[in-house]
Amino acid sequence: QVQLVESGGGLVQPGGSLRLSCAASGSKYGFYVMGWYCQAPGKQRELVADITSGGTTNYADSVKGRFTISRDNAKNAVYLQMNSLKPEDTAVYYCKAVIVGRPYWGQGTQVTVSS
């Protein structure tokens, strides 16, 4: 059974940093695309960044230059380094993995940016 477990969320002041981690397990096919999505109250879930097993990355315009996605294929883990955080980054952040074309989601971790 595929499981994605996120960690690293919390409360941070504007301009601060957080690092999210997601550990994936349970797939005999590996994890081709892994990524992070966010969902703020009253809004749809949207892409923050994703990365392929080959290292190709894709970022939402709103986070370019501030967030960095990376992964460790040996550990089936994906990370999101978030710098220069803004109040509008406040949301629940979800880890997503695509396995043979099917998406799997973690349970989400809350990120709150507030003074």
C-alpha atoms as a PDB file:
ATOM      1  CA  GLN A   1       0.000   0.000   0.000  1.00  0.00           C
ATOM      2  CA  VAL A   2       1.379   3.361  -1.045  1.00  0.00           C
ATOM      3  CA  GLN A   3       1.915   5.836   1.780  1.00  0.00           C
ATOM      4  CA  LEU A   4       3.158   9.411   1.733  1.00  0.00           C
ATOM      5  CA  VAL A   5       4.064  10.987   5.058  1.00  0.00           C
ATOM      6  CA  GLU A   6       4.764  14.710   5.270  1.00  0.00           C
ATOM      7  CA  SER A   7       6.580  16.603   7.999  1.00  0.00           C
ATOM      8  CA  GLY A   8       8.090  20.019   8.628  1.00  0.00           C
ATOM      9  CA  GLY A   9       5.131  22.377   8.650  1.00  0.00           C
ATOM     10  CA  GLY A  10       4.535  24.960  11.343  1.00  0.00           C
ATOM     11  CA  LEU A  11       4.243  28.618  12.213  1.00  0.00           C
ATOM     12  CA  VAL A  12       6.850  31.031  10.889  1.00  0.00           C
ATOM     13  CA  GLN A  13       7.167  34.801  10.659  1.00  0.00           C
ATOM     14  CA  PRO A  14       7.109  36.570   7.302  1.00  0.00           C
ATOM     15  CA  GLY A  15      10.540  36.357   5.693  1.00  0.00           C
ATOM     16  CA  GLY A  16      11.320  33.119   7.495  1.00  0.00           C
ATOM     17  CA  SER A  17      12.050  29.643   6.175  1.00  0.00           C
ATOM     18  CA  LEU A  18      10.668  26.140   6.500  1.00  0.00           C
ATOM     19  CA  ARG A  19      11.671  22.813   5.010  1.00  0.00           C
ATOM     20  CA  LEU A  20       8.995  20.251   4.225  1.00  0.00           C
ATOM     21  CA  SER A  21       9.789  16.568   3.835  1.00  0.00           C
ATOM     22  CA  CYS A  22       7.778  13.733   2.357  1.00  0.00           C
ATOM     23  CA  ALA A  23       8.689  10.069   2.677  1.00  0.00           C
ATOM     24  CA  ALA A  24       7.050   7.683   0.235  1.00  0.00           C
ATOM     25  CA  SER A  25       6.741   3.926   0.536  1.00  0.00           C
ATOM     26  CA  GLY A  26       4.862   0.957  -0.791  1.00  0.00           C
ATOM     27  CA  SER A  27       5.424   1.166  -4.545  1.00  0.00           C
ATOM     28  CA  LYS A  28       7.278  -1.538  -6.438  1.00  0.00           C
ATOM     29  CA  TYR A  29       7.313   0.721  -9.515  1.00  0.00           C
ATOM     30  CA  GLY A  30       9.087   3.664  -7.935  1.00  0.00           C
ATOM     31  CA  PHE A  31       7.787   7.219  -7.940  1.00  0.00           C
ATOM     32  CA  TYR A  32       8.115   8.998 -11.261  1.00  0.00           C
ATOM     33  CA  VAL A  33       6.848  12.469 -10.413  1.00  0.00           C
ATOM     34  CA  MET A  34       6.774  13.785  -6.868  1.00  0.00           C
ATOM     35  CA  GLY A  35       5.603  17.193  -5.887  1.00  0.00           C
ATOM     36  CA  TRP A  36       3.994  19.619  -3.494  1.00  0.00           C
ATOM     37  CA  TYR A  37       0.597  21.224  -3.719  1.00  0.00           C
ATOM     38  CA  CYS A  38      -1.041  23.729  -1.412  1.00  0.00           C
ATOM     39  CA  GLN A  39      -4.615  24.509  -0.488  1.00  0.00           C
ATOM     40  CA  ALA A  40      -5.622  27.683   1.328  1.00  0.00           C
ATOM     41  CA  PRO A  41      -9.036  28.024   2.990  1.00  0.00           C
ATOM     42  CA  GLY A  42     -11.746  28.521   0.387  1.00  0.00           C
ATOM     43  CA  LYS A  43      -9.390  27.887  -2.510  1.00  0.00           C
ATOM     44  CA  GLN A  44      -8.617  24.976  -4.796  1.00  0.00           C
ATOM     45  CA  ARG A  45      -5.559  22.832  -4.350  1.00  0.00           C
ATOM     46  CA  GLU A  46      -2.800  24.076  -6.628  1.00  0.00           C
ATOM     47  CA  LEU A  47       0.674  23.082  -7.697  1.00  0.00           C
ATOM     48  CA  VAL A  48       3.620  24.549  -5.814  1.00  0.00           C
ATOM     49  CA  ALA A  49       6.409  22.534  -7.420  1.00  0.00           C
ATOM     50  CA  ASP A  50       7.137  19.083  -8.771  1.00  0.00           C
ATOM     51  CA  ILE A  51      10.160  17.078  -9.817  1.00  0.00           C
ATOM     52  CA  THR A  52      10.665  13.998 -11.962  1.00  0.00           C
ATOM     53  CA  SER A  53      12.887  11.065 -11.077  1.00  0.00           C
ATOM     54  CA  GLY A  54      15.399  12.533 -13.531  1.00  0.00           C
ATOM     55  CA  GLY A  55      15.491  15.837 -11.689  1.00  0.00           C
ATOM     56  CA  THR A  56      13.400  18.037 -13.989  1.00  0.00           C
ATOM     57  CA  THR A  57      11.624  20.643 -11.885  1.00  0.00           C
ATOM     58  CA  ASN A  58       8.536  22.771 -12.350  1.00  0.00           C
ATOM     59  CA  TYR A  59       7.460  25.688 -10.143  1.00  0.00           C
ATOM     60  CA  ALA A  60       4.425  27.875  -9.735  1.00  0.00           C
ATOM     61  CA  ASP A  61       5.256  31.464 -10.714  1.00  0.00           C
ATOM     62  CA  SER A  62       4.409  32.659  -7.219  1.00  0.00           C
ATOM     63  CA  VAL A  63       7.234  30.648  -5.624  1.00  0.00           C
ATOM     64  CA  LYS A  64       9.997  30.888  -8.229  1.00  0.00           C
ATOM     65  CA  GLY A  65      13.177  32.173  -6.648  1.00  0.00           C
ATOM     66  CA  ARG A  66      11.916  31.487  -3.122  1.00  0.00           C
ATOM     67  CA  PHE A  67      11.177  27.754  -2.982  1.00  0.00           C
ATOM     68  CA  THR A  68      13.392  24.857  -4.022  1.00  0.00           C
ATOM     69  CA  ILE A  69      12.196  21.304  -4.582  1.00  0.00           C
ATOM     70  CA  SER A  70      14.575  18.368  -4.389  1.00  0.00           C
ATOM     71  CA  ARG A  71      14.364  14.606  -4.034  1.00  0.00           C
ATOM     72  CA  ASP A  72      16.379  11.642  -2.906  1.00  0.00           C
ATOM     73  CA  ASN A  73      15.488   8.704  -5.143  1.00  0.00           C
ATOM     74  CA  ALA A  74      17.296   6.225  -2.908  1.00  0.00           C
ATOM     75  CA  LYS A  75      15.052   7.230  -0.007  1.00  0.00           C
ATOM     76  CA  ASN A  76      11.896   7.844  -2.082  1.00  0.00           C
ATOM     77  CA  ALA A  77      11.763  11.269  -0.479  1.00  0.00           C
ATOM     78  CA  VAL A  78      10.958  14.734  -1.741  1.00  0.00           C
ATOM     79  CA  TYR A  79      11.718  18.014  -0.016  1.00  0.00           C
ATOM     80  CA  LEU A  80      10.546  21.607  -0.312  1.00  0.00           C
ATOM     81  CA  GLN A  81      12.821  24.343   0.989  1.00  0.00           C
ATOM     82  CA  MET A  82      10.716  27.463   1.459  1.00  0.00           C
ATOM     83  CA  ASN A  83      12.499  30.772   1.947  1.00  0.00           C
ATOM     84  CA  SER A  84      11.275  34.357   2.144  1.00  0.00           C
ATOM     85  CA  LEU A  85       7.870  33.128   3.220  1.00  0.00           C
ATOM     86  CA  LYS A  86       4.883  35.447   2.853  1.00  0.00           C
ATOM     87  CA  PRO A  87       1.510  35.461   4.614  1.00  0.00           C
ATOM     88  CA  GLU A  88      -0.084  34.408   1.328  1.00  0.00           C
ATOM     89  CA  ASP A  89       1.931  31.165   1.468  1.00  0.00           C
ATOM     90  CA  THR A  90      -0.255  30.091   4.385  1.00  0.00           C
ATOM     91  CA  ALA A  91      -1.969  26.835   3.427  1.00  0.00           C
ATOM     92  CA  VAL A  92      -2.034  23.114   3.943  1.00  0.00           C
ATOM     93  CA  TYR A  93       0.765  21.602   1.899  1.00  0.00           C
ATOM     94  CA  TYR A  94       0.266  18.165   0.376  1.00  0.00           C
ATOM     95  CA  CYS A  95       2.821  15.783  -1.027  1.00  0.00           C
ATOM     96  CA  LYS A  96       1.839  14.035  -4.256  1.00  0.00           C
ATOM     97  CA  ALA A  97       3.417  11.111  -6.052  1.00  0.00           C
ATOM     98  CA  VAL A  98       2.483   9.668  -9.432  1.00  0.00           C
ATOM     99  CA  ILE A  99       2.908   5.940  -9.884  1.00  0.00           C
ATOM    100  CA  VAL A 100       2.152   4.419 -13.278  1.00  0.00           C
ATOM    101  CA  GLY A 101      -0.075   7.384 -14.049  1.00  0.00           C
ATOM    102  CA  ARG A 102      -2.047   7.262 -10.789  1.00  0.00           C
ATOM    103  CA  PRO A 103      -1.763  10.067  -8.209  1.00  0.00           C
ATOM    104  CA  TYR A 104      -1.310   9.438  -4.506  1.00  0.00           C
ATOM    105  CA  TRP A 105      -1.564  12.081  -1.781  1.00  0.00           C
ATOM    106  CA  GLY A 106      -0.223  12.573   1.705  1.00  0.00           C
ATOM    107  CA  GLN A 107      -2.344  13.778   4.584  1.00  0.00           C
ATOM    108  CA  GLY A 108      -1.063  17.352   4.436  1.00  0.00           C
ATOM    109  CA  THR A 109       0.932  19.595   6.740  1.00  0.00           C
ATOM    110  CA  GLN A 110      -0.093  23.080   7.829  1.00  0.00           C
ATOM    111  CA  VAL A 111       2.152  26.033   7.032  1.00  0.00           C
ATOM    112  CA  THR A 112       1.202  29.328   8.662  1.00  0.00           C
ATOM    113  CA  VAL A 113       3.095  32.529   7.925  1.00  0.00           C
ATOM    114  CA  SER A 114       2.179  35.211  10.413  1.00  0.00           C
ATOM    115  CA  SER A 115       3.739  37.764  12.713  1.00  0.00           C
END
